PDB file of all heavy atoms in Angstrom:
ATOM      1  N   ASP A   1      24.799  36.490 -24.326  1.00  0.00           N
ATOM      2  CA  ASP A   1      24.193  37.805 -23.911  1.00  0.00           C
ATOM      3  C   ASP A   1      23.093  37.751 -22.916  1.00  0.00           C
ATOM      4  O   ASP A   1      22.479  38.748 -22.601  1.00  0.00           O
ATOM      5  CB  ASP A   1      23.717  38.587 -25.176  1.00  0.00           C
ATOM      6  CG  ASP A   1      22.618  37.899 -25.968  1.00  0.00           C
ATOM      7  OD1 ASP A   1      22.153  36.813 -25.397  1.00  0.00           O
ATOM      8  OD2 ASP A   1      22.113  38.356 -26.984  1.00  0.00           O
ATOM      9  N   GLY A   2      22.729  36.495 -22.424  1.00  0.00           N
ATOM     10  CA  GLY A   2      21.763  36.316 -21.492  1.00  0.00           C
ATOM     11  C   GLY A   2      20.291  36.544 -21.951  1.00  0.00           C
ATOM     12  O   GLY A   2      19.330  36.587 -21.120  1.00  0.00           O
ATOM     13  N   SER A   3      20.110  36.524 -23.207  1.00  0.00           N
ATOM     14  CA  SER A   3      18.776  36.707 -23.797  1.00  0.00           C
ATOM     15  C   SER A   3      17.910  35.551 -23.795  1.00  0.00           C
ATOM     16  O   SER A   3      16.654  35.718 -23.844  1.00  0.00           O
ATOM     17  CB  SER A   3      18.854  37.151 -25.309  1.00  0.00           C
ATOM     18  OG  SER A   3      19.591  36.210 -26.058  1.00  0.00           O
ATOM     19  N   ALA A   4      18.380  34.403 -23.489  1.00  0.00           N
ATOM     20  CA  ALA A   4      17.626  33.175 -23.236  1.00  0.00           C
ATOM     21  C   ALA A   4      18.355  32.242 -22.286  1.00  0.00           C
ATOM     22  O   ALA A   4      19.623  32.046 -22.381  1.00  0.00           O
ATOM     23  CB  ALA A   4      17.286  32.479 -24.635  1.00  0.00           C
ATOM     24  N   GLY A   5      17.628  31.446 -21.538  1.00  0.00           N
ATOM     25  CA  GLY A   5      18.229  30.538 -20.631  1.00  0.00           C
ATOM     26  C   GLY A   5      19.306  31.103 -19.647  1.00  0.00           C
ATOM     27  O   GLY A   5      19.067  32.215 -19.232  1.00  0.00           O
ATOM     28  N   THR A   6      20.313  30.368 -19.411  1.00  0.00           N
ATOM     29  CA  THR A   6      21.385  30.796 -18.492  1.00  0.00           C
ATOM     30  C   THR A   6      22.245  31.819 -19.211  1.00  0.00           C
ATOM     31  O   THR A   6      22.651  31.590 -20.351  1.00  0.00           O
ATOM     32  CB  THR A   6      22.240  29.535 -18.140  1.00  0.00           C
ATOM     33  OG1 THR A   6      21.360  28.515 -17.477  1.00  0.00           O
ATOM     34  CG2 THR A   6      23.433  29.994 -17.249  1.00  0.00           C
ATOM     35  N   LYS A   7      22.576  32.833 -18.539  1.00  0.00           N
ATOM     36  CA  LYS A   7      23.641  33.743 -19.137  1.00  0.00           C
ATOM     37  C   LYS A   7      25.040  33.281 -18.919  1.00  0.00           C
ATOM     38  O   LYS A   7      25.458  33.002 -17.794  1.00  0.00           O
ATOM     39  CB  LYS A   7      23.473  35.103 -18.358  1.00  0.00           C
ATOM     40  CG  LYS A   7      24.507  36.225 -18.887  1.00  0.00           C
ATOM     41  CD  LYS A   7      24.341  37.498 -18.264  1.00  0.00           C
ATOM     42  CE  LYS A   7      25.370  38.598 -18.679  1.00  0.00           C
ATOM     43  NZ  LYS A   7      25.499  38.675 -20.138  1.00  0.00           N
ATOM     44  N   GLY A   8      25.635  33.012 -20.080  1.00  0.00           N
ATOM     45  CA  GLY A   8      27.037  32.468 -19.966  1.00  0.00           C
ATOM     46  C   GLY A   8      27.097  31.353 -21.003  1.00  0.00           C
ATOM     47  O   GLY A   8      26.572  31.489 -22.195  1.00  0.00           O
ATOM     48  N   ASN A   9      27.756  30.237 -20.593  1.00  0.00           N
ATOM     49  CA  ASN A   9      27.898  29.071 -21.506  1.00  0.00           C
ATOM     50  C   ASN A   9      27.442  27.713 -20.963  1.00  0.00           C
ATOM     51  O   ASN A   9      26.643  27.773 -19.885  1.00  0.00           O
ATOM     52  CB  ASN A   9      29.470  28.926 -21.789  1.00  0.00           C
ATOM     53  CG  ASN A   9      30.231  28.697 -20.539  1.00  0.00           C
ATOM     54  OD1 ASN A   9      29.796  28.172 -19.591  1.00  0.00           O
ATOM     55  ND2 ASN A   9      31.426  29.336 -20.415  1.00  0.00           N
ATOM     56  N   VAL A  10      27.593  26.772 -21.652  1.00  0.00           N
ATOM     57  CA  VAL A  10      26.986  25.402 -21.264  1.00  0.00           C
ATOM     58  C   VAL A  10      27.519  25.000 -19.885  1.00  0.00           C
ATOM     59  O   VAL A  10      26.732  24.301 -19.131  1.00  0.00           O
ATOM     60  CB  VAL A  10      27.238  24.393 -22.243  1.00  0.00           C
ATOM     61  CG1 VAL A  10      26.355  24.601 -23.514  1.00  0.00           C
ATOM     62  CG2 VAL A  10      28.669  24.157 -22.685  1.00  0.00           C
ATOM     63  N   MET A  11      28.696  25.304 -19.523  1.00  0.00           N
ATOM     64  CA  MET A  11      29.155  24.963 -18.149  1.00  0.00           C
ATOM     65  C   MET A  11      28.420  25.740 -17.111  1.00  0.00           C
ATOM     66  O   MET A  11      28.098  25.177 -16.016  1.00  0.00           O
ATOM     67  CB  MET A  11      30.704  25.303 -18.058  1.00  0.00           C
ATOM     68  CG  MET A  11      31.494  24.523 -19.045  1.00  0.00           C
ATOM     69  SD  MET A  11      31.278  22.740 -19.171  1.00  0.00           S
ATOM     70  CE  MET A  11      31.759  22.252 -17.620  1.00  0.00           C
ATOM     71  N   ASP A  12      28.141  26.931 -17.415  1.00  0.00           N
ATOM     72  CA  ASP A  12      27.265  27.692 -16.430  1.00  0.00           C
ATOM     73  C   ASP A  12      25.903  27.179 -16.208  1.00  0.00           C
ATOM     74  O   ASP A  12      25.318  27.123 -15.104  1.00  0.00           O
ATOM     75  CB  ASP A  12      27.199  29.144 -16.905  1.00  0.00           C
ATOM     76  CG  ASP A  12      28.492  29.935 -16.940  1.00  0.00           C
ATOM     77  OD1 ASP A  12      29.281  29.764 -15.865  1.00  0.00           O
ATOM     78  OD2 ASP A  12      28.763  30.574 -17.971  1.00  0.00           O
ATOM     79  N   ALA A  13      25.335  26.591 -17.457  1.00  0.00           N
ATOM     80  CA  ALA A  13      23.993  26.010 -17.336  1.00  0.00           C
ATOM     81  C   ALA A  13      23.917  24.663 -16.469  1.00  0.00           C
ATOM     82  O   ALA A  13      23.069  24.430 -15.794  1.00  0.00           O
ATOM     83  CB  ALA A  13      23.539  25.618 -18.800  1.00  0.00           C
ATOM     84  N   ILE A  14      25.130  23.948 -16.532  1.00  0.00           N
ATOM     85  CA  ILE A  14      25.270  22.803 -15.660  1.00  0.00           C
ATOM     86  C   ILE A  14      25.205  23.242 -14.197  1.00  0.00           C
ATOM     87  O   ILE A  14      24.420  22.603 -13.366  1.00  0.00           O
ATOM     88  CB  ILE A  14      26.583  22.080 -15.968  1.00  0.00           C
ATOM     89  CG1 ILE A  14      26.528  21.354 -17.247  1.00  0.00           C
ATOM     90  CG2 ILE A  14      26.901  21.006 -14.864  1.00  0.00           C
ATOM     91  CD1 ILE A  14      27.755  20.678 -17.625  1.00  0.00           C
ATOM     92  N   LYS A  15      25.967  24.284 -13.809  1.00  0.00           N
ATOM     93  CA  LYS A  15      25.998  24.736 -12.442  1.00  0.00           C
ATOM     94  C   LYS A  15      24.658  25.298 -11.983  1.00  0.00           C
ATOM     95  O   LYS A  15      24.172  25.044 -10.955  1.00  0.00           O
ATOM     96  CB  LYS A  15      27.042  25.801 -12.347  1.00  0.00           C
ATOM     97  CG  LYS A  15      28.465  25.332 -12.502  1.00  0.00           C
ATOM     98  CD  LYS A  15      29.533  26.387 -12.494  1.00  0.00           C
ATOM     99  CE  LYS A  15      30.884  25.953 -13.094  1.00  0.00           C
ATOM    100  NZ  LYS A  15      31.876  27.090 -13.101  1.00  0.00           N
ATOM    101  N   GLU A  16      24.050  26.180 -12.866  1.00  0.00           N
ATOM    102  CA  GLU A  16      22.822  26.770 -12.467  1.00  0.00           C
ATOM    103  C   GLU A  16      21.649  25.764 -12.294  1.00  0.00           C
ATOM    104  O   GLU A  16      20.770  26.063 -11.375  1.00  0.00           O
ATOM    105  CB  GLU A  16      22.453  27.798 -13.627  1.00  0.00           C
ATOM    106  CG  GLU A  16      21.054  28.536 -13.300  1.00  0.00           C
ATOM    107  CD  GLU A  16      20.836  29.611 -14.278  1.00  0.00           C
ATOM    108  OE1 GLU A  16      21.484  30.677 -14.098  1.00  0.00           O
ATOM    109  OE2 GLU A  16      19.972  29.467 -15.105  1.00  0.00           O
ATOM    110  N   ASN A  17      21.700  24.685 -12.953  1.00  0.00           N
ATOM    111  CA  ASN A  17      20.568  23.682 -12.859  1.00  0.00           C
ATOM    112  C   ASN A  17      20.942  22.476 -12.091  1.00  0.00           C
ATOM    113  O   ASN A  17      20.243  21.605 -11.909  1.00  0.00           O
ATOM    114  CB  ASN A  17      20.139  23.348 -14.312  1.00  0.00           C
ATOM    115  CG  ASN A  17      19.519  24.407 -15.165  1.00  0.00           C
ATOM    116  OD1 ASN A  17      18.321  24.776 -14.867  1.00  0.00           O
ATOM    117  ND2 ASN A  17      20.287  25.045 -16.028  1.00  0.00           N
ATOM    118  N   ALA A  18      22.149  22.425 -11.433  1.00  0.00           N
ATOM    119  CA  ALA A  18      22.671  21.496 -10.662  1.00  0.00           C
ATOM    120  C   ALA A  18      22.548  20.099 -11.392  1.00  0.00           C
ATOM    121  O   ALA A  18      22.108  19.086 -10.719  1.00  0.00           O
ATOM    122  CB  ALA A  18      21.957  21.487  -9.358  1.00  0.00           C
ATOM    123  N   LEU A  19      23.040  20.057 -12.546  1.00  0.00           N
ATOM    124  CA  LEU A  19      22.964  18.849 -13.288  1.00  0.00           C
ATOM    125  C   LEU A  19      24.089  17.895 -13.127  1.00  0.00           C
ATOM    126  O   LEU A  19      25.238  18.309 -12.786  1.00  0.00           O
ATOM    127  CB  LEU A  19      22.897  19.196 -14.912  1.00  0.00           C
ATOM    128  CG  LEU A  19      21.794  20.120 -15.324  1.00  0.00           C
ATOM    129  CD1 LEU A  19      21.800  20.408 -16.733  1.00  0.00           C
ATOM    130  CD2 LEU A  19      20.370  19.443 -14.840  1.00  0.00           C
ATOM    131  N   THR A  20      23.906  16.572 -13.248  1.00  0.00           N
ATOM    132  CA  THR A  20      25.001  15.553 -13.190  1.00  0.00           C
ATOM    133  C   THR A  20      24.829  14.521 -14.232  1.00  0.00           C
ATOM    134  O   THR A  20      23.649  14.433 -14.833  1.00  0.00           O
ATOM    135  CB  THR A  20      24.927  14.818 -11.844  1.00  0.00           C
ATOM    136  OG1 THR A  20      23.638  14.145 -11.650  1.00  0.00           O
ATOM    137  CG2 THR A  20      25.159  15.853 -10.686  1.00  0.00           C
ATOM    138  N   ALA A  21      25.890  13.862 -14.619  1.00  0.00           N
ATOM    139  CA  ALA A  21      25.817  12.868 -15.669  1.00  0.00           C
ATOM    140  C   ALA A  21      26.936  11.849 -15.534  1.00  0.00           C
ATOM    141  O   ALA A  21      27.907  12.119 -14.722  1.00  0.00           O
ATOM    142  CB  ALA A  21      25.887  13.524 -17.014  1.00  0.00           C
ATOM    143  N   ASP A  22      26.788  10.735 -16.136  1.00  0.00           N
ATOM    144  CA  ASP A  22      27.770   9.681 -16.117  1.00  0.00           C
ATOM    145  C   ASP A  22      28.722   9.818 -17.295  1.00  0.00           C
ATOM    146  O   ASP A  22      29.965   9.384 -17.210  1.00  0.00           O
ATOM    147  CB  ASP A  22      27.176   8.312 -16.199  1.00  0.00           C
ATOM    148  CG  ASP A  22      26.136   7.999 -15.155  1.00  0.00           C
ATOM    149  OD1 ASP A  22      26.379   8.364 -13.886  1.00  0.00           O
ATOM    150  OD2 ASP A  22      24.968   7.619 -15.455  1.00  0.00           O
ATOM    151  N   VAL A  23      28.246  10.293 -18.484  1.00  0.00           N
ATOM    152  CA  VAL A  23      29.086  10.422 -19.588  1.00  0.00           C
ATOM    153  C   VAL A  23      28.721  11.713 -20.383  1.00  0.00           C
ATOM    154  O   VAL A  23      27.644  12.181 -20.244  1.00  0.00           O
ATOM    155  CB  VAL A  23      28.675   9.284 -20.680  1.00  0.00           C
ATOM    156  CG1 VAL A  23      29.526   9.304 -21.910  1.00  0.00           C
ATOM    157  CG2 VAL A  23      28.929   7.944 -19.943  1.00  0.00           C
ATOM    158  N   ILE A  24      29.717  12.226 -21.074  1.00  0.00           N
ATOM    159  CA  ILE A  24      29.501  13.551 -21.803  1.00  0.00           C
ATOM    160  C   ILE A  24      29.840  13.251 -23.273  1.00  0.00           C
ATOM    161  O   ILE A  24      30.844  12.593 -23.629  1.00  0.00           O
ATOM    162  CB  ILE A  24      30.396  14.580 -21.360  1.00  0.00           C
ATOM    163  CG1 ILE A  24      29.991  14.989 -19.881  1.00  0.00           C
ATOM    164  CG2 ILE A  24      30.317  15.856 -22.213  1.00  0.00           C
ATOM    165  CD1 ILE A  24      30.965  15.945 -19.205  1.00  0.00           C
ATOM    166  N   PHE A  25      28.993  13.723 -24.154  1.00  0.00           N
ATOM    167  CA  PHE A  25      29.157  13.873 -25.558  1.00  0.00           C
ATOM    168  C   PHE A  25      29.163  15.306 -26.016  1.00  0.00           C
ATOM    169  O   PHE A  25      28.155  15.974 -25.678  1.00  0.00           O
ATOM    170  CB  PHE A  25      28.197  13.012 -26.480  1.00  0.00           C
ATOM    171  CG  PHE A  25      28.281  11.615 -26.196  1.00  0.00           C
ATOM    172  CD1 PHE A  25      27.076  10.764 -25.846  1.00  0.00           C
ATOM    173  CD2 PHE A  25      29.435  10.841 -26.374  1.00  0.00           C
ATOM    174  CE1 PHE A  25      27.149   9.479 -25.557  1.00  0.00           C
ATOM    175  CE2 PHE A  25      29.486   9.428 -26.213  1.00  0.00           C
ATOM    176  CZ  PHE A  25      28.476   8.707 -25.826  1.00  0.00           C
ATOM    177  N   ALA A  26      30.150  15.827 -26.673  1.00  0.00           N
ATOM    178  CA  ALA A  26      30.155  17.288 -26.984  1.00  0.00           C
ATOM    179  C   ALA A  26      30.761  17.659 -28.187  1.00  0.00           C
ATOM    180  O   ALA A  26      31.612  16.995 -28.777  1.00  0.00           O
ATOM    181  CB  ALA A  26      30.865  18.047 -25.802  1.00  0.00           C
ATOM    182  N   CYS A  27      30.235  18.754 -28.762  1.00  0.00           N
ATOM    183  CA  CYS A  27      30.819  19.365 -30.017  1.00  0.00           C
ATOM    184  C   CYS A  27      30.723  20.850 -29.823  1.00  0.00           C
ATOM    185  O   CYS A  27      29.703  21.384 -29.513  1.00  0.00           O
ATOM    186  CB  CYS A  27      30.174  18.962 -31.216  1.00  0.00           C
ATOM    187  SG  CYS A  27      30.960  19.519 -32.751  1.00  0.00           S
ATOM    188  N   GLY A  28      31.748  21.519 -30.220  1.00  0.00           N
ATOM    189  CA  GLY A  28      31.721  23.093 -30.031  1.00  0.00           C
ATOM    190  C   GLY A  28      33.095  23.684 -30.188  1.00  0.00           C
ATOM    191  O   GLY A  28      34.081  23.041 -30.529  1.00  0.00           O
ATOM    192  N   PRO A  29      33.214  24.995 -29.924  1.00  0.00           N
ATOM    193  CA  PRO A  29      34.544  25.682 -30.097  1.00  0.00           C
ATOM    194  C   PRO A  29      35.591  25.192 -29.058  1.00  0.00           C
ATOM    195  O   PRO A  29      35.195  24.557 -27.926  1.00  0.00           O
ATOM    196  CB  PRO A  29      34.213  27.154 -29.827  1.00  0.00           C
ATOM    197  CG  PRO A  29      32.839  27.008 -29.111  1.00  0.00           C
ATOM    198  CD  PRO A  29      32.225  25.886 -29.536  1.00  0.00           C
ATOM    199  N   MET A  30      36.803  25.393 -29.267  1.00  0.00           N
ATOM    200  CA  MET A  30      37.917  24.891 -28.467  1.00  0.00           C
ATOM    201  C   MET A  30      37.738  25.241 -27.021  1.00  0.00           C
ATOM    202  O   MET A  30      38.008  24.540 -26.121  1.00  0.00           O
ATOM    203  CB  MET A  30      39.205  25.153 -29.089  1.00  0.00           C
ATOM    204  CG  MET A  30      40.389  24.363 -28.512  1.00  0.00           C
ATOM    205  SD  MET A  30      40.174  22.587 -28.771  1.00  0.00           S
ATOM    206  CE  MET A  30      40.514  22.423 -30.514  1.00  0.00           C
ATOM    207  N   PRO A  31      37.522  26.521 -26.722  1.00  0.00           N
ATOM    208  CA  PRO A  31      37.431  26.852 -25.228  1.00  0.00           C
ATOM    209  C   PRO A  31      36.394  26.197 -24.508  1.00  0.00           C
ATOM    210  O   PRO A  31      36.644  25.740 -23.447  1.00  0.00           O
ATOM    211  CB  PRO A  31      36.946  28.424 -25.334  1.00  0.00           C
ATOM    212  CG  PRO A  31      37.516  28.830 -26.615  1.00  0.00           C
ATOM    213  CD  PRO A  31      37.427  27.820 -27.582  1.00  0.00           C
ATOM    214  N   MET A  32      35.225  25.912 -25.137  1.00  0.00           N
ATOM    215  CA  MET A  32      34.218  25.103 -24.488  1.00  0.00           C
ATOM    216  C   MET A  32      34.727  23.662 -24.330  1.00  0.00           C
ATOM    217  O   MET A  32      34.472  23.110 -23.223  1.00  0.00           O
ATOM    218  CB  MET A  32      32.975  24.995 -25.476  1.00  0.00           C
ATOM    219  CG  MET A  32      31.884  23.996 -25.128  1.00  0.00           C
ATOM    220  SD  MET A  32      30.601  23.959 -26.370  1.00  0.00           S
ATOM    221  CE  MET A  32      30.026  22.252 -26.208  1.00  0.00           C
ATOM    222  N   LEU A  33      35.349  23.025 -25.336  1.00  0.00           N
ATOM    223  CA  LEU A  33      35.793  21.668 -25.209  1.00  0.00           C
ATOM    224  C   LEU A  33      36.931  21.518 -24.181  1.00  0.00           C
ATOM    225  O   LEU A  33      37.090  20.476 -23.387  1.00  0.00           O
ATOM    226  CB  LEU A  33      36.374  21.195 -26.497  1.00  0.00           C
ATOM    227  CG  LEU A  33      35.403  21.042 -27.643  1.00  0.00           C
ATOM    228  CD1 LEU A  33      35.869  20.467 -28.923  1.00  0.00           C
ATOM    229  CD2 LEU A  33      34.100  20.168 -27.301  1.00  0.00           C
ATOM    230  N   ARG A  34      37.829  22.532 -23.985  1.00  0.00           N
ATOM    231  CA  ARG A  34      38.780  22.539 -22.958  1.00  0.00           C
ATOM    232  C   ARG A  34      38.139  22.502 -21.493  1.00  0.00           C
ATOM    233  O   ARG A  34      38.530  21.903 -20.627  1.00  0.00           O
ATOM    234  CB  ARG A  34      39.653  23.777 -23.161  1.00  0.00           C
ATOM    235  CG  ARG A  34      40.688  23.677 -24.245  1.00  0.00           C
ATOM    236  CD  ARG A  34      41.750  24.797 -24.264  1.00  0.00           C
ATOM    237  NE  ARG A  34      42.512  24.763 -25.356  1.00  0.00           N
ATOM    238  CZ  ARG A  34      42.422  25.690 -26.337  1.00  0.00           C
ATOM    239  NH1 ARG A  34      41.603  26.666 -26.219  1.00  0.00           N
ATOM    240  NH2 ARG A  34      43.222  25.726 -27.472  1.00  0.00           N
ATOM    241  N   ALA A  35      37.089  23.426 -21.411  1.00  0.00           N
ATOM    242  CA  ALA A  35      36.308  23.439 -20.195  1.00  0.00           C
ATOM    243  C   ALA A  35      35.739  22.158 -19.785  1.00  0.00           C
ATOM    244  O   ALA A  35      35.689  21.685 -18.692  1.00  0.00           O
ATOM    245  CB  ALA A  35      35.343  24.528 -20.207  1.00  0.00           C
ATOM    246  N   ILE A  36      35.117  21.516 -20.825  1.00  0.00           N
ATOM    247  CA  ILE A  36      34.519  20.275 -20.702  1.00  0.00           C
ATOM    248  C   ILE A  36      35.559  19.090 -20.259  1.00  0.00           C
ATOM    249  O   ILE A  36      35.235  18.311 -19.359  1.00  0.00           O
ATOM    250  CB  ILE A  36      33.731  19.778 -21.913  1.00  0.00           C
ATOM    251  CG1 ILE A  36      32.429  20.634 -22.074  1.00  0.00           C
ATOM    252  CG2 ILE A  36      33.398  18.356 -21.889  1.00  0.00           C
ATOM    253  CD1 ILE A  36      31.753  20.495 -23.411  1.00  0.00           C
TER     254      ILE A  36
END
């Protein structure tokens, strides 16, 4: 709902903050895991 941080999901937060990584560890709902 955009009430805190990036409006959207964790993938949007990666884009908004221009983040990069070598490895990902994740847990969450299936749509999130598919996107990851």
